[in-house]
């Protein structure tokens, strides 16, 4: 709880060695926030919120690069700030209606909040909880190479190809949901054969 109000997870990351994952995440979050907040400003949509997010992202960029150490600016980019801004963005989405720029801004604020809560100060990796590990794994993943379990291979193959057949049949009848299901099971087939696919 203390790290929410005393530090910012992106502070001086540019000058640190061995934190490539954290640095990439910080760059993506900072420039994503800058882009979507500028789009909001150009669209004249949620001006105060967009100005606050743009100011926050510029402060984060300055502290990420550690150009000049200004204590008041450093206080603005503590880990609690993106959480507060994310709740504000979600409330604006509910009350003022949907827009892609506002949705993008809120999504990057949620990502910023997630990294703020999960990254440890001296670590470049996020320790996944058992629930997160369960959600990231599939019982068919890499089953093609598990030669000691023939039953698993046959079951996974039959299940995947049966689902592909059904979803393609539904797609041929014009069901859009079946198109998404077919894409999902094509990716599942790739994971079945190649164990893991980058980005999945």
C-alpha atoms as a PDB file:
ATOM      1  CA  UNK A   1       0.000   0.000   0.000  1.00  0.00           C
ATOM      2  CA  UNK A   2       2.890   2.338   0.742  1.00  0.00           C
ATOM      3  CA  UNK A   3       4.220   2.140  -2.839  1.00  0.00           C
ATOM      4  CA  UNK A   4       0.958   3.617  -4.169  1.00  0.00           C
ATOM      5  CA  UNK A   5       1.636   7.021  -2.637  1.00  0.00           C
ATOM      6  CA  UNK A   6       5.434   7.213  -2.379  1.00  0.00           C
ATOM      7  CA  UNK A   7       6.866   6.009  -5.717  1.00  0.00           C
ATOM      8  CA  UNK A   8       6.103   5.712  -9.399  1.00  0.00           C
ATOM      9  CA  UNK A   9       6.967   2.476 -11.185  1.00  0.00           C
ATOM     10  CA  UNK A  10       8.258   4.337 -14.263  1.00  0.00           C
ATOM     11  CA  UNK A  11      10.689   6.637 -12.421  1.00  0.00           C
ATOM     12  CA  UNK A  12      14.223   6.745 -13.936  1.00  0.00           C
ATOM     13  CA  UNK A  13      13.668   3.468 -15.828  1.00  0.00           C
ATOM     14  CA  UNK A  14      15.491   4.777 -18.909  1.00  0.00           C
ATOM     15  CA  UNK A  15      18.823   4.812 -17.072  1.00  0.00           C
ATOM     16  CA  UNK A  16      18.487   1.390 -15.433  1.00  0.00           C
ATOM     17  CA  UNK A  17      20.002  -1.838 -16.766  1.00  0.00           C
ATOM     18  CA  UNK A  18      18.285  -5.228 -16.866  1.00  0.00           C
ATOM     19  CA  UNK A  19      14.684  -3.965 -16.881  1.00  0.00           C
ATOM     20  CA  UNK A  20      13.838  -4.277 -20.585  1.00  0.00           C
ATOM     21  CA  UNK A  21      10.296  -5.622 -20.040  1.00  0.00           C
ATOM     22  CA  UNK A  22       9.457  -2.856 -17.628  1.00  0.00           C
ATOM     23  CA  UNK A  23      11.003  -0.230 -19.926  1.00  0.00           C
ATOM     24  CA  UNK A  24       8.974  -1.413 -22.942  1.00  0.00           C
ATOM     25  CA  UNK A  25       5.779  -1.418 -20.862  1.00  0.00           C
ATOM     26  CA  UNK A  26       6.520   2.103 -19.600  1.00  0.00           C
ATOM     27  CA  UNK A  27       7.205   3.467 -23.099  1.00  0.00           C
ATOM     28  CA  UNK A  28       4.020   1.873 -24.469  1.00  0.00           C
ATOM     29  CA  UNK A  29       1.906   3.268 -21.633  1.00  0.00           C
ATOM     30  CA  UNK A  30       3.374   6.781 -21.787  1.00  0.00           C
ATOM     31  CA  UNK A  31       3.060   7.223 -25.549  1.00  0.00           C
ATOM     32  CA  UNK A  32      -0.353   5.523 -25.616  1.00  0.00           C
ATOM     33  CA  UNK A  33      -1.633   7.986 -23.029  1.00  0.00           C
ATOM     34  CA  UNK A  34      -0.120  10.911 -24.918  1.00  0.00           C
ATOM     35  CA  UNK A  35      -1.632   9.828 -28.234  1.00  0.00           C
ATOM     36  CA  UNK A  36      -5.176   9.208 -27.023  1.00  0.00           C
ATOM     37  CA  UNK A  37      -5.287  12.297 -24.810  1.00  0.00           C
ATOM     38  CA  UNK A  38      -4.169  14.469 -27.755  1.00  0.00           C
ATOM     39  CA  UNK A  39      -6.860  12.879 -29.941  1.00  0.00           C
ATOM     40  CA  UNK A  40      -9.414  13.686 -27.242  1.00  0.00           C
ATOM     41  CA  UNK A  41      -8.227  17.295 -27.204  1.00  0.00           C
ATOM     42  CA  UNK A  42      -8.420  17.567 -30.993  1.00  0.00           C
ATOM     43  CA  UNK A  43     -11.952  16.179 -30.894  1.00  0.00           C
ATOM     44  CA  UNK A  44     -12.817  18.695 -28.147  1.00  0.00           C
ATOM     45  CA  UNK A  45     -13.986  15.805 -25.989  1.00  0.00           C
ATOM     46  CA  UNK A  46     -13.627  15.677 -22.179  1.00  0.00           C
ATOM     47  CA  UNK A  47     -11.167  18.568 -22.158  1.00  0.00           C
ATOM     48  CA  UNK A  48     -10.317  18.637 -18.434  1.00  0.00           C
ATOM     49  CA  UNK A  49      -9.785  14.891 -18.261  1.00  0.00           C
ATOM     50  CA  UNK A  50      -7.718  14.909 -21.470  1.00  0.00           C
ATOM     51  CA  UNK A  51      -5.547  17.773 -20.219  1.00  0.00           C
ATOM     52  CA  UNK A  52      -5.003  15.961 -16.913  1.00  0.00           C
ATOM     53  CA  UNK A  53      -3.981  12.739 -18.680  1.00  0.00           C
ATOM     54  CA  UNK A  54      -1.724  14.590 -21.127  1.00  0.00           C
ATOM     55  CA  UNK A  55      -0.056  16.456 -18.251  1.00  0.00           C
ATOM     56  CA  UNK A  56       0.364  13.190 -16.345  1.00  0.00           C
ATOM     57  CA  UNK A  57       1.900  11.444 -19.364  1.00  0.00           C
ATOM     58  CA  UNK A  58       4.338  14.323 -19.957  1.00  0.00           C
ATOM     59  CA  UNK A  59       5.407  14.234 -16.296  1.00  0.00           C
ATOM     60  CA  UNK A  60       5.845  10.449 -16.591  1.00  0.00           C
ATOM     61  CA  UNK A  61       7.975  10.896 -19.714  1.00  0.00           C
ATOM     62  CA  UNK A  62      10.144  13.447 -17.924  1.00  0.00           C
ATOM     63  CA  UNK A  63      10.600  11.249 -14.854  1.00  0.00           C
ATOM     64  CA  UNK A  64      11.105   8.139 -17.030  1.00  0.00           C
ATOM     65  CA  UNK A  65      14.029   9.886 -18.732  1.00  0.00           C
ATOM     66  CA  UNK A  66      14.975  11.629 -15.446  1.00  0.00           C
ATOM     67  CA  UNK A  67      15.723  14.843 -17.341  1.00  0.00           C
ATOM     68  CA  UNK A  68      15.365  17.114 -14.328  1.00  0.00           C
ATOM     69  CA  UNK A  69      14.390  16.068 -10.866  1.00  0.00           C
ATOM     70  CA  UNK A  70      11.531  18.270  -9.684  1.00  0.00           C
ATOM     71  CA  UNK A  71       9.997  16.964  -6.482  1.00  0.00           C
ATOM     72  CA  UNK A  72       6.537  18.399  -7.175  1.00  0.00           C
ATOM     73  CA  UNK A  73       6.436  16.727 -10.605  1.00  0.00           C
ATOM     74  CA  UNK A  74       7.636  13.464  -9.120  1.00  0.00           C
ATOM     75  CA  UNK A  75       4.752  13.598  -6.661  1.00  0.00           C
ATOM     76  CA  UNK A  76       2.284  13.702  -9.582  1.00  0.00           C
ATOM     77  CA  UNK A  77       3.386  10.374 -11.064  1.00  0.00           C
ATOM     78  CA  UNK A  78       3.016   8.156  -7.992  1.00  0.00           C
ATOM     79  CA  UNK A  79       1.307   4.804  -8.545  1.00  0.00           C
ATOM     80  CA  UNK A  80      -2.032   6.044  -7.186  1.00  0.00           C
ATOM     81  CA  UNK A  81      -2.457   8.637  -9.967  1.00  0.00           C
ATOM     82  CA  UNK A  82      -3.228   6.253 -12.876  1.00  0.00           C
ATOM     83  CA  UNK A  83      -5.680   4.338 -10.673  1.00  0.00           C
ATOM     84  CA  UNK A  84      -7.588   7.530  -9.902  1.00  0.00           C
ATOM     85  CA  UNK A  85      -7.509   8.612 -13.556  1.00  0.00           C
ATOM     86  CA  UNK A  86      -8.652   5.142 -14.700  1.00  0.00           C
ATOM     87  CA  UNK A  87     -11.724   5.333 -12.436  1.00  0.00           C
ATOM     88  CA  UNK A  88     -12.410   8.817 -13.801  1.00  0.00           C
ATOM     89  CA  UNK A  89     -12.134   7.573 -17.390  1.00  0.00           C
ATOM     90  CA  UNK A  90     -14.465   4.646 -16.693  1.00  0.00           C
ATOM     91  CA  UNK A  91     -17.009   7.016 -15.116  1.00  0.00           C
ATOM     92  CA  UNK A  92     -16.827   9.290 -18.176  1.00  0.00           C
ATOM     93  CA  UNK A  93     -17.381   6.300 -20.478  1.00  0.00           C
ATOM     94  CA  UNK A  94     -20.498   5.357 -18.519  1.00  0.00           C
ATOM     95  CA  UNK A  95     -21.927   8.854 -18.153  1.00  0.00           C
ATOM     96  CA  UNK A  96     -20.868  10.695 -21.327  1.00  0.00           C
ATOM     97  CA  UNK A  97     -21.021   7.851 -23.818  1.00  0.00           C
ATOM     98  CA  UNK A  98     -18.558   5.828 -25.857  1.00  0.00           C
ATOM     99  CA  UNK A  99     -15.707   7.214 -27.931  1.00  0.00           C
ATOM    100  CA  UNK A 100     -12.650   5.394 -29.205  1.00  0.00           C
ATOM    101  CA  UNK A 101     -10.236   8.035 -27.925  1.00  0.00           C
ATOM    102  CA  UNK A 102     -11.717   7.946 -24.422  1.00  0.00           C
ATOM    103  CA  UNK A 103     -11.771   4.140 -24.463  1.00  0.00           C
ATOM    104  CA  UNK A 104      -8.106   4.049 -25.534  1.00  0.00           C
ATOM    105  CA  UNK A 105      -7.115   6.528 -22.839  1.00  0.00           C
ATOM    106  CA  UNK A 106      -8.957   4.540 -20.167  1.00  0.00           C
ATOM    107  CA  UNK A 107      -7.474   1.244 -21.391  1.00  0.00           C
ATOM    108  CA  UNK A 108      -3.916   2.602 -21.152  1.00  0.00           C
ATOM    109  CA  UNK A 109      -4.666   4.028 -17.693  1.00  0.00           C
ATOM    110  CA  UNK A 110      -5.896   0.592 -16.601  1.00  0.00           C
ATOM    111  CA  UNK A 111      -2.693  -0.969 -18.001  1.00  0.00           C
ATOM    112  CA  UNK A 112      -0.658   1.666 -16.157  1.00  0.00           C
ATOM    113  CA  UNK A 113      -2.529   0.866 -12.942  1.00  0.00           C
ATOM    114  CA  UNK A 114      -1.968  -2.868 -13.424  1.00  0.00           C
ATOM    115  CA  UNK A 115       1.780  -2.409 -13.872  1.00  0.00           C
ATOM    116  CA  UNK A 116       1.890  -0.023 -10.916  1.00  0.00           C
ATOM    117  CA  UNK A 117       0.267  -2.617  -8.670  1.00  0.00           C
ATOM    118  CA  UNK A 118       2.096  -5.694  -9.944  1.00  0.00           C
ATOM    119  CA  UNK A 119       5.676  -4.624 -10.743  1.00  0.00           C
ATOM    120  CA  UNK A 120       8.082  -4.818  -7.831  1.00  0.00           C
ATOM    121  CA  UNK A 121      10.763  -2.087  -7.556  1.00  0.00           C
ATOM    122  CA  UNK A 122      13.753  -4.387  -8.143  1.00  0.00           C
ATOM    123  CA  UNK A 123      12.146  -6.887 -10.519  1.00  0.00           C
ATOM    124  CA  UNK A 124      11.573  -6.954 -14.290  1.00  0.00           C
ATOM    125  CA  UNK A 125       8.941  -9.690 -14.211  1.00  0.00           C
ATOM    126  CA  UNK A 126       5.429  -9.943 -12.819  1.00  0.00           C
ATOM    127  CA  UNK A 127       4.798 -12.937 -10.598  1.00  0.00           C
ATOM    128  CA  UNK A 128       1.551 -14.458 -11.843  1.00  0.00           C
ATOM    129  CA  UNK A 129      -1.090 -15.641  -9.404  1.00  0.00           C
ATOM    130  CA  UNK A 130      -2.452 -19.217  -9.707  1.00  0.00           C
ATOM    131  CA  UNK A 131      -5.633 -17.830 -11.306  1.00  0.00           C
ATOM    132  CA  UNK A 132      -3.606 -15.901 -13.904  1.00  0.00           C
ATOM    133  CA  UNK A 133      -1.490 -18.978 -14.661  1.00  0.00           C
ATOM    134  CA  UNK A 134      -4.677 -21.024 -15.084  1.00  0.00           C
ATOM    135  CA  UNK A 135      -6.139 -18.475 -17.498  1.00  0.00           C
ATOM    136  CA  UNK A 136      -2.923 -18.372 -19.585  1.00  0.00           C
ATOM    137  CA  UNK A 137      -2.623 -22.135 -20.069  1.00  0.00           C
ATOM    138  CA  UNK A 138      -4.578 -24.550 -22.239  1.00  0.00           C
ATOM    139  CA  UNK A 139      -4.952 -28.291 -21.848  1.00  0.00           C
ATOM    140  CA  UNK A 140      -4.314 -28.713 -25.595  1.00  0.00           C
ATOM    141  CA  UNK A 141      -1.198 -26.507 -25.683  1.00  0.00           C
ATOM    142  CA  UNK A 142       1.809 -28.481 -26.888  1.00  0.00           C
ATOM    143  CA  UNK A 143      -0.114 -31.767 -26.787  1.00  0.00           C
ATOM    144  CA  UNK A 144       1.161 -32.656 -30.286  1.00  0.00           C
ATOM    145  CA  UNK A 145       4.690 -33.089 -28.888  1.00  0.00           C
ATOM    146  CA  UNK A 146       3.681 -35.066 -25.780  1.00  0.00           C
ATOM    147  CA  UNK A 147       4.437 -38.498 -27.189  1.00  0.00           C
ATOM    148  CA  UNK A 148       3.923 -40.250 -23.860  1.00  0.00           C
ATOM    149  CA  UNK A 149       0.211 -39.312 -23.757  1.00  0.00           C
ATOM    150  CA  UNK A 150      -1.479 -40.708 -26.879  1.00  0.00           C
ATOM    151  CA  UNK A 151      -4.975 -40.355 -25.419  1.00  0.00           C
ATOM    152  CA  UNK A 152      -4.464 -36.614 -24.904  1.00  0.00           C
ATOM    153  CA  UNK A 153      -3.263 -36.208 -28.494  1.00  0.00           C
ATOM    154  CA  UNK A 154      -6.265 -38.038 -29.980  1.00  0.00           C
ATOM    155  CA  UNK A 155      -8.756 -36.227 -27.733  1.00  0.00           C
ATOM    156  CA  UNK A 156      -7.267 -32.784 -28.413  1.00  0.00           C
ATOM    157  CA  UNK A 157      -7.082 -33.413 -32.178  1.00  0.00           C
ATOM    158  CA  UNK A 158     -10.676 -34.622 -32.367  1.00  0.00           C
ATOM    159  CA  UNK A 159     -11.970 -31.777 -30.209  1.00  0.00           C
ATOM    160  CA  UNK A 160     -10.143 -29.028 -32.132  1.00  0.00           C
ATOM    161  CA  UNK A 161     -11.043 -30.270 -35.618  1.00  0.00           C
ATOM    162  CA  UNK A 162     -14.670 -30.898 -34.631  1.00  0.00           C
ATOM    163  CA  UNK A 163     -14.946 -27.318 -33.340  1.00  0.00           C
ATOM    164  CA  UNK A 164     -13.283 -25.960 -36.496  1.00  0.00           C
ATOM    165  CA  UNK A 165     -15.754 -27.917 -38.650  1.00  0.00           C
ATOM    166  CA  UNK A 166     -18.778 -26.663 -36.693  1.00  0.00           C
ATOM    167  CA  UNK A 167     -17.594 -23.047 -36.639  1.00  0.00           C
ATOM    168  CA  UNK A 168     -16.811 -23.088 -40.388  1.00  0.00           C
ATOM    169  CA  UNK A 169     -20.256 -24.548 -41.070  1.00  0.00           C
ATOM    170  CA  UNK A 170     -21.815 -21.752 -39.024  1.00  0.00           C
ATOM    171  CA  UNK A 171     -19.655 -19.168 -40.793  1.00  0.00           C
ATOM    172  CA  UNK A 172     -20.841 -20.445 -44.181  1.00  0.00           C
ATOM    173  CA  UNK A 173     -24.410 -19.744 -43.027  1.00  0.00           C
ATOM    174  CA  UNK A 174     -23.492 -16.136 -42.214  1.00  0.00           C
ATOM    175  CA  UNK A 175     -23.151 -16.321 -38.428  1.00  0.00           C
ATOM    176  CA  UNK A 176     -20.531 -13.733 -37.423  1.00  0.00           C
ATOM    177  CA  UNK A 177     -19.941 -15.269 -34.007  1.00  0.00           C
ATOM    178  CA  UNK A 178     -18.896 -18.515 -35.699  1.00  0.00           C
ATOM    179  CA  UNK A 179     -16.219 -16.590 -37.610  1.00  0.00           C
ATOM    180  CA  UNK A 180     -14.658 -15.489 -34.301  1.00  0.00           C
ATOM    181  CA  UNK A 181     -14.917 -19.022 -32.907  1.00  0.00           C
ATOM    182  CA  UNK A 182     -13.258 -20.408 -36.073  1.00  0.00           C
ATOM    183  CA  UNK A 183     -10.364 -17.947 -35.693  1.00  0.00           C
ATOM    184  CA  UNK A 184     -10.013 -18.910 -32.019  1.00  0.00           C
ATOM    185  CA  UNK A 185      -9.804 -22.625 -32.826  1.00  0.00           C
ATOM    186  CA  UNK A 186      -7.338 -22.009 -35.672  1.00  0.00           C
ATOM    187  CA  UNK A 187      -5.112 -20.336 -33.096  1.00  0.00           C
ATOM    188  CA  UNK A 188      -5.773 -23.222 -30.700  1.00  0.00           C
ATOM    189  CA  UNK A 189      -4.616 -25.608 -33.458  1.00  0.00           C
ATOM    190  CA  UNK A 190      -1.388 -23.621 -33.854  1.00  0.00           C
ATOM    191  CA  UNK A 191      -0.791 -23.833 -30.094  1.00  0.00           C
ATOM    192  CA  UNK A 192      -1.530 -27.557 -30.212  1.00  0.00           C
ATOM    193  CA  UNK A 193       1.167 -28.098 -32.857  1.00  0.00           C
ATOM    194  CA  UNK A 194       3.803 -25.488 -32.009  1.00  0.00           C
ATOM    195  CA  UNK A 195       3.425 -25.385 -28.187  1.00  0.00           C
ATOM    196  CA  UNK A 196       3.352 -21.558 -28.041  1.00  0.00           C
ATOM    197  CA  UNK A 197       2.741 -18.815 -30.557  1.00  0.00           C
ATOM    198  CA  UNK A 198       4.170 -15.323 -30.038  1.00  0.00           C
ATOM    199  CA  UNK A 199       1.428 -12.908 -29.034  1.00  0.00           C
ATOM    200  CA  UNK A 200      -1.075 -15.593 -27.944  1.00  0.00           C
END
